[in-house]
Amino acid sequence: MSSKSVNSIGRESCSSVADPLFLLDANICIYILTGASDAAAKAVERRETGSVVTSSIAYAEVMHGIPETEIDAMHNAQRFFALVEPLPFDRMAASTYARLPFKRARFDRLIAAHAVSLGLILVTNNERDFADVAELKVENWTL
């Protein structure tokens, strides 16, 4: 994500702080941070501060993928996650995870459980990966 995009998200949405409505999957965070989806970045920019969050699981995925030598990318990610808060994966999310259809070694299951436990809409470009989670609401902001 360019520093211009990070700055415009902050400028356009600072007027109020809303309750969370949307939880970004790691792929959407990556698309925004790398500039791969202007549509997703603009969708975030249109939302009030606080209405778009992410999971600490997605945060870990994104931060793990940034090489330590990429200082600018790390700073952009830190600015982005200051605006799109990573929420802690708590006991309620863990209990929800225990009830979901199991898929081995899938962070997507944890992220789905987190969104369901909070009653949030998951924003992802991998709708098929979540199709078997009946109670999960999904949107794709890359289209």
Protein backbone atom coordinates (compact mmCIF):
# COMPACT_ATOMS: atom_id res chain seq x y z
CA MET A 1 0.00 0.00 0.00
CA SER A 2 1.43 3.34 -0.89
CA SER A 3 1.89 5.93 1.83
CA LYS A 4 -0.63 8.06 -0.06
CA SER A 5 -3.26 5.32 0.34
CA VAL A 6 -2.45 4.86 4.02
CA ASN A 7 -2.69 8.61 4.56
CA SER A 8 -5.94 8.98 2.61
CA ILE A 9 -7.59 6.20 4.64
CA GLY A 10 -6.73 8.09 7.80
CA ARG A 11 -7.82 11.49 6.45
CA GLU A 12 -11.12 10.39 4.96
CA SER A 13 -12.27 8.36 7.93
CA CYS A 14 -11.12 10.30 11.00
CA SER A 15 -14.43 12.10 11.54
CA SER A 16 -15.87 9.34 13.72
CA VAL A 17 -15.14 5.94 15.14
CA ALA A 18 -17.67 3.24 14.33
CA ASP A 19 -18.29 -0.23 15.69
CA PRO A 20 -16.65 -3.02 13.67
CA LEU A 21 -18.73 -4.35 10.77
CA PHE A 22 -16.12 -5.93 8.49
CA LEU A 23 -13.16 -8.20 9.17
CA LEU A 24 -10.46 -8.24 6.48
CA ASP A 25 -8.90 -11.54 5.47
CA ALA A 26 -5.13 -11.58 5.09
CA ASN A 27 -5.37 -11.61 1.30
CA ILE A 28 -7.31 -8.33 1.28
CA CYS A 29 -4.76 -6.72 3.61
CA ILE A 30 -1.97 -7.88 1.30
CA TYR A 31 -3.76 -6.59 -1.81
CA ILE A 32 -4.14 -3.18 -0.20
CA LEU A 33 -0.60 -3.05 1.13
CA THR A 34 0.93 -4.07 -2.21
CA GLY A 35 -1.36 -1.90 -4.32
CA ALA A 36 -2.80 -4.98 -6.05
CA SER A 37 -6.42 -3.90 -5.54
CA ASP A 38 -7.44 -0.27 -5.80
CA ALA A 39 -11.05 -1.41 -5.39
CA ALA A 40 -10.32 -2.92 -1.96
CA ALA A 41 -8.33 0.13 -0.85
CA LYS A 42 -11.14 2.46 -1.91
CA ALA A 43 -13.72 0.28 -0.16
CA VAL A 44 -11.76 0.63 3.08
CA GLU A 45 -11.32 4.37 2.54
CA ARG A 46 -15.11 4.81 2.20
CA ARG A 47 -15.76 3.21 5.59
CA GLU A 48 -15.70 4.95 8.94
CA THR A 49 -12.68 4.42 11.17
CA GLY A 50 -13.29 1.37 13.33
CA SER A 51 -15.85 -0.25 11.03
CA VAL A 52 -13.10 -2.21 9.24
CA VAL A 53 -10.87 -4.42 11.37
CA THR A 54 -8.87 -7.58 10.91
CA SER A 55 -8.05 -10.64 12.95
CA SER A 56 -4.82 -11.03 14.87
CA ILE A 57 -4.50 -14.25 12.82
CA ALA A 58 -4.56 -12.29 9.53
CA TYR A 59 -2.19 -9.74 11.04
CA ALA A 60 0.27 -12.52 11.89
CA GLU A 61 0.01 -13.92 8.34
CA VAL A 62 0.68 -10.53 6.77
CA MET A 63 3.54 -9.55 9.08
CA HIS A 64 5.16 -12.98 8.71
CA GLY A 65 5.26 -12.44 4.95
CA ILE A 66 7.17 -9.14 5.10
CA PRO A 67 10.94 -9.70 5.04
CA GLU A 68 12.80 -7.90 7.84
CA THR A 69 14.89 -6.13 5.21
CA GLU A 70 11.78 -4.46 3.72
CA ILE A 71 11.72 -1.49 6.09
CA ASP A 72 9.30 0.60 3.97
CA ALA A 73 6.88 -2.30 3.64
CA MET A 74 7.05 -2.88 7.39
CA HIS A 75 6.32 0.81 8.10
CA ASN A 76 3.40 0.82 5.63
CA ALA A 77 1.98 -2.28 7.29
CA GLN A 78 2.32 -0.73 10.74
CA ARG A 79 0.48 2.42 9.56
CA PHE A 80 -2.22 0.31 7.89
CA PHE A 81 -2.78 -1.82 11.00
CA ALA A 82 -2.97 1.32 13.14
CA LEU A 83 -6.08 2.18 11.07
CA VAL A 84 -7.39 -1.36 10.50
CA GLU A 85 -7.09 -2.74 14.00
CA PRO A 86 -6.17 -6.41 14.48
CA LEU A 87 -8.59 -7.81 17.05
CA PRO A 88 -7.41 -10.47 19.51
CA PHE A 89 -8.46 -14.06 18.87
CA ASP A 90 -10.24 -14.78 22.12
CA ARG A 91 -12.01 -17.64 23.88
CA MET A 92 -15.30 -17.00 22.05
CA ALA A 93 -13.50 -17.20 18.70
CA ALA A 94 -11.79 -20.42 19.81
CA SER A 95 -15.13 -21.92 20.84
CA THR A 96 -16.60 -20.97 17.45
CA TYR A 97 -13.61 -22.54 15.71
CA ALA A 98 -14.30 -25.82 17.50
CA ARG A 99 -17.76 -25.97 15.85
CA LEU A 100 -16.64 -25.24 12.25
CA PRO A 101 -16.06 -27.87 9.58
CA PHE A 102 -12.42 -28.86 10.07
CA LYS A 103 -9.73 -28.40 7.43
CA ARG A 104 -6.20 -29.28 8.44
CA ALA A 105 -3.59 -26.51 8.58
CA ARG A 106 -5.93 -23.73 7.49
CA PHE A 107 -5.65 -20.26 8.99
CA ASP A 108 -8.88 -19.55 7.09
CA ARG A 109 -10.80 -21.64 9.63
CA LEU A 110 -9.49 -19.48 12.47
CA ILE A 111 -10.30 -16.26 10.62
CA ALA A 112 -13.80 -17.53 9.76
CA ALA A 113 -14.38 -18.44 13.40
CA HIS A 114 -13.20 -15.00 14.48
CA ALA A 115 -15.61 -13.25 12.09
CA VAL A 116 -18.54 -15.48 13.10
CA SER A 117 -17.86 -15.08 16.83
CA LEU A 118 -17.95 -11.28 16.45
CA GLY A 119 -20.87 -11.23 14.02
CA LEU A 120 -18.73 -9.48 11.37
CA ILE A 121 -18.76 -9.75 7.59
CA LEU A 122 -15.56 -11.35 6.31
CA VAL A 123 -13.98 -9.51 3.39
CA THR A 124 -11.93 -11.92 1.25
CA ASN A 125 -11.02 -12.79 -2.30
CA ASN A 126 -11.18 -16.50 -1.41
CA GLU A 127 -14.93 -16.98 -1.12
CA ARG A 128 -14.70 -20.68 -1.99
CA ASP A 129 -12.47 -21.34 1.02
CA PHE A 130 -15.29 -20.16 3.29
CA ALA A 131 -18.32 -21.53 1.41
CA ASP A 132 -18.83 -24.38 3.89
CA VAL A 133 -19.24 -22.04 6.87
CA ALA A 134 -22.99 -21.49 6.71
CA GLU A 135 -23.24 -18.78 9.36
CA LEU A 136 -20.41 -16.66 7.84
CA LYS A 137 -21.29 -13.60 5.78
CA VAL A 138 -18.68 -12.93 3.06
CA GLU A 139 -17.99 -10.00 0.72
CA ASN A 140 -15.32 -9.56 -1.95
CA TRP A 141 -14.06 -5.99 -2.28
CA THR A 142 -11.64 -6.75 -5.13
CA LEU A 143 -14.38 -6.87 -7.79
